[in-house]
Amino acid sequence: MTGAVESGAQLERTALAWNRSLLALAVNGALLIRAASMSGTWAAVVGVAVLAATGVLWLVTSGTYRKLRGQRPGSLLASPSFALGFTAFVALVGMVDIVVIATYRY
């Protein structure tokens, strides 16, 4: 296998992993909105914010993938600062989920 093919496959796997993670976050945002509609909590605002942030992140990662297709990876998709920021965002959403579940009235 040549280096260009390997790096292209690596970039594609990374982009697919980001898309799976963003899909999970979008579903989480939708569930926050649903929980808020059922219990009348403030979680709807957070759910909409999560959905909006997920959309922006999806546009960034998809655009970067299209730009770099066929080149060596080393882009925003694989940068440590982007991954750290994304991890912090996921941790924040997880904490909000815990608060919503703790205050949810069945």
C-alpha atoms as a PDB file:
ATOM      1  CA  MET A   1       0.000   0.000   0.000  1.00  0.00           C
ATOM      2  CA  THR A   2       1.334   3.431  -0.826  1.00  0.00           C
ATOM      3  CA  GLY A   3       1.613   6.293   1.633  1.00  0.00           C
ATOM      4  CA  ALA A   4      -1.047   8.366  -0.151  1.00  0.00           C
ATOM      5  CA  VAL A   5      -3.583   5.553   0.053  1.00  0.00           C
ATOM      6  CA  GLU A   6      -2.814   4.907   3.717  1.00  0.00           C
ATOM      7  CA  SER A   7      -3.090   8.568   4.670  1.00  0.00           C
ATOM      8  CA  GLY A   8      -6.317   8.922   2.674  1.00  0.00           C
ATOM      9  CA  ALA A   9      -7.820   5.972   4.486  1.00  0.00           C
ATOM     10  CA  GLN A  10      -6.653   7.372   7.807  1.00  0.00           C
ATOM     11  CA  LEU A  11      -8.249  10.732   7.054  1.00  0.00           C
ATOM     12  CA  GLU A  12     -11.483   9.039   6.011  1.00  0.00           C
ATOM     13  CA  ARG A  13     -11.587   6.922   9.188  1.00  0.00           C
ATOM     14  CA  THR A  14     -10.995  10.031  11.286  1.00  0.00           C
ATOM     15  CA  ALA A  15     -13.775  11.926   9.501  1.00  0.00           C
ATOM     16  CA  LEU A  16     -16.159   9.000   9.967  1.00  0.00           C
ATOM     17  CA  ALA A  17     -15.293   8.828  13.676  1.00  0.00           C
ATOM     18  CA  TRP A  18     -16.016  12.553  14.061  1.00  0.00           C
ATOM     19  CA  ASN A  19     -19.336  12.111  12.241  1.00  0.00           C
ATOM     20  CA  ARG A  20     -20.351   9.247  14.558  1.00  0.00           C
ATOM     21  CA  SER A  21     -19.482  11.319  17.612  1.00  0.00           C
ATOM     22  CA  LEU A  22     -21.388  14.324  16.286  1.00  0.00           C
ATOM     23  CA  LEU A  23     -24.419  12.175  15.517  1.00  0.00           C
ATOM     24  CA  ALA A  24     -24.419  10.955  19.125  1.00  0.00           C
ATOM     25  CA  LEU A  25     -24.256  14.564  20.343  1.00  0.00           C
ATOM     26  CA  ALA A  26     -27.120  15.594  18.048  1.00  0.00           C
ATOM     27  CA  VAL A  27     -29.275  12.784  19.428  1.00  0.00           C
ATOM     28  CA  ASN A  28     -28.331  13.909  22.936  1.00  0.00           C
ATOM     29  CA  GLY A  29     -29.463  17.458  22.131  1.00  0.00           C
ATOM     30  CA  ALA A  30     -32.766  16.159  20.759  1.00  0.00           C
ATOM     31  CA  LEU A  31     -33.294  14.094  23.916  1.00  0.00           C
ATOM     32  CA  LEU A  32     -32.617  17.156  26.068  1.00  0.00           C
ATOM     33  CA  ILE A  33     -35.290  19.053  24.143  1.00  0.00           C
ATOM     34  CA  ARG A  34     -37.711  16.142  24.564  1.00  0.00           C
ATOM     35  CA  ALA A  35     -37.013  15.891  28.303  1.00  0.00           C
ATOM     36  CA  ALA A  36     -37.637  19.617  28.655  1.00  0.00           C
ATOM     37  CA  SER A  37     -40.928  19.416  26.795  1.00  0.00           C
ATOM     38  CA  MET A  38     -42.103  16.600  29.055  1.00  0.00           C
ATOM     39  CA  SER A  39     -41.024  18.121  32.355  1.00  0.00           C
ATOM     40  CA  GLY A  40     -41.009  21.855  31.661  1.00  0.00           C
ATOM     41  CA  THR A  41     -37.355  22.382  32.583  1.00  0.00           C
ATOM     42  CA  TRP A  42     -34.725  24.705  31.170  1.00  0.00           C
ATOM     43  CA  ALA A  43     -33.058  21.861  29.269  1.00  0.00           C
ATOM     44  CA  ALA A  44     -34.650  22.914  25.962  1.00  0.00           C
ATOM     45  CA  VAL A  45     -32.302  25.894  25.700  1.00  0.00           C
ATOM     46  CA  VAL A  46     -29.311  23.645  26.311  1.00  0.00           C
ATOM     47  CA  GLY A  47     -30.649  21.074  23.837  1.00  0.00           C
ATOM     48  CA  VAL A  48     -30.987  23.693  21.111  1.00  0.00           C
ATOM     49  CA  ALA A  49     -27.470  24.968  21.888  1.00  0.00           C
ATOM     50  CA  VAL A  50     -26.092  21.415  21.655  1.00  0.00           C
ATOM     51  CA  LEU A  51     -27.841  20.882  18.315  1.00  0.00           C
ATOM     52  CA  ALA A  52     -26.505  24.190  16.982  1.00  0.00           C
ATOM     53  CA  ALA A  53     -22.949  23.474  18.130  1.00  0.00           C
ATOM     54  CA  THR A  54     -23.163  19.990  16.638  1.00  0.00           C
ATOM     55  CA  GLY A  55     -24.214  21.459  13.298  1.00  0.00           C
ATOM     56  CA  VAL A  56     -21.312  23.918  13.301  1.00  0.00           C
ATOM     57  CA  LEU A  57     -18.815  21.195  14.229  1.00  0.00           C
ATOM     58  CA  TRP A  58     -20.198  18.935  11.499  1.00  0.00           C
ATOM     59  CA  LEU A  59     -19.761  21.698   8.915  1.00  0.00           C
ATOM     60  CA  VAL A  60     -16.182  22.316  10.066  1.00  0.00           C
ATOM     61  CA  THR A  61     -15.150  18.654  10.039  1.00  0.00           C
ATOM     62  CA  SER A  62     -16.908  17.896   6.739  1.00  0.00           C
ATOM     63  CA  GLY A  63     -15.404  20.946   5.037  1.00  0.00           C
ATOM     64  CA  THR A  64     -11.945  20.078   6.310  1.00  0.00           C
ATOM     65  CA  TYR A  65     -12.301  16.507   5.098  1.00  0.00           C
ATOM     66  CA  ARG A  66     -13.375  17.633   1.607  1.00  0.00           C
ATOM     67  CA  LYS A  67     -10.470  20.096   1.428  1.00  0.00           C
ATOM     68  CA  LEU A  68      -7.853  17.567   2.493  1.00  0.00           C
ATOM     69  CA  ARG A  69      -9.115  14.482   0.663  1.00  0.00           C
ATOM     70  CA  GLY A  70      -6.168  12.821  -1.036  1.00  0.00           C
ATOM     71  CA  GLN A  71      -3.569  14.641   1.074  1.00  0.00           C
ATOM     72  CA  ARG A  72      -1.663  13.591   4.157  1.00  0.00           C
ATOM     73  CA  PRO A  73      -3.548  13.936   7.451  1.00  0.00           C
ATOM     74  CA  GLY A  74      -2.403  16.474   9.992  1.00  0.00           C
ATOM     75  CA  SER A  75      -5.385  18.721   9.795  1.00  0.00           C
ATOM     76  CA  LEU A  76      -7.979  20.147  12.109  1.00  0.00           C
ATOM     77  CA  LEU A  77      -9.606  16.714  12.230  1.00  0.00           C
ATOM     78  CA  ALA A  78      -6.569  15.189  13.916  1.00  0.00           C
ATOM     79  CA  SER A  79      -5.183  18.196  15.812  1.00  0.00           C
ATOM     80  CA  PRO A  80      -4.807  17.774  19.590  1.00  0.00           C
ATOM     81  CA  SER A  81      -6.320  21.205  20.339  1.00  0.00           C
ATOM     82  CA  PHE A  82      -9.486  20.426  18.361  1.00  0.00           C
ATOM     83  CA  ALA A  83      -9.778  17.016  20.008  1.00  0.00           C
ATOM     84  CA  LEU A  84      -9.269  18.546  23.466  1.00  0.00           C
ATOM     85  CA  GLY A  85     -11.915  21.202  22.823  1.00  0.00           C
ATOM     86  CA  PHE A  86     -14.332  18.598  21.536  1.00  0.00           C
ATOM     87  CA  THR A  87     -13.684  16.416  24.596  1.00  0.00           C
ATOM     88  CA  ALA A  88     -14.364  19.377  26.894  1.00  0.00           C
ATOM     89  CA  PHE A  89     -17.610  20.071  25.016  1.00  0.00           C
ATOM     90  CA  VAL A  90     -18.727  16.442  25.373  1.00  0.00           C
ATOM     91  CA  ALA A  91     -17.862  16.501  29.105  1.00  0.00           C
ATOM     92  CA  LEU A  92     -19.905  19.691  29.554  1.00  0.00           C
ATOM     93  CA  VAL A  93     -22.890  18.162  27.757  1.00  0.00           C
ATOM     94  CA  GLY A  94     -22.542  15.071  29.951  1.00  0.00           C
ATOM     95  CA  MET A  95     -22.634  17.202  33.105  1.00  0.00           C
ATOM     96  CA  VAL A  96     -25.747  18.979  31.846  1.00  0.00           C
ATOM     97  CA  ASP A  97     -27.326  15.577  31.194  1.00  0.00           C
ATOM     98  CA  ILE A  98     -26.630  14.540  34.777  1.00  0.00           C
ATOM     99  CA  VAL A  99     -28.222  17.736  36.106  1.00  0.00           C
ATOM    100  CA  VAL A 100     -31.271  17.300  33.864  1.00  0.00           C
ATOM    101  CA  ILE A 101     -31.716  13.689  34.949  1.00  0.00           C
ATOM    102  CA  ALA A 102     -31.321  14.666  38.620  1.00  0.00           C
ATOM    103  CA  THR A 103     -34.013  17.368  38.321  1.00  0.00           C
ATOM    104  CA  TYR A 104     -36.323  15.412  36.000  1.00  0.00           C
ATOM    105  CA  ARG A 105     -39.814  14.801  37.421  1.00  0.00           C
ATOM    106  CA  TYR A 106     -41.279  11.490  36.351  1.00  0.00           C
END
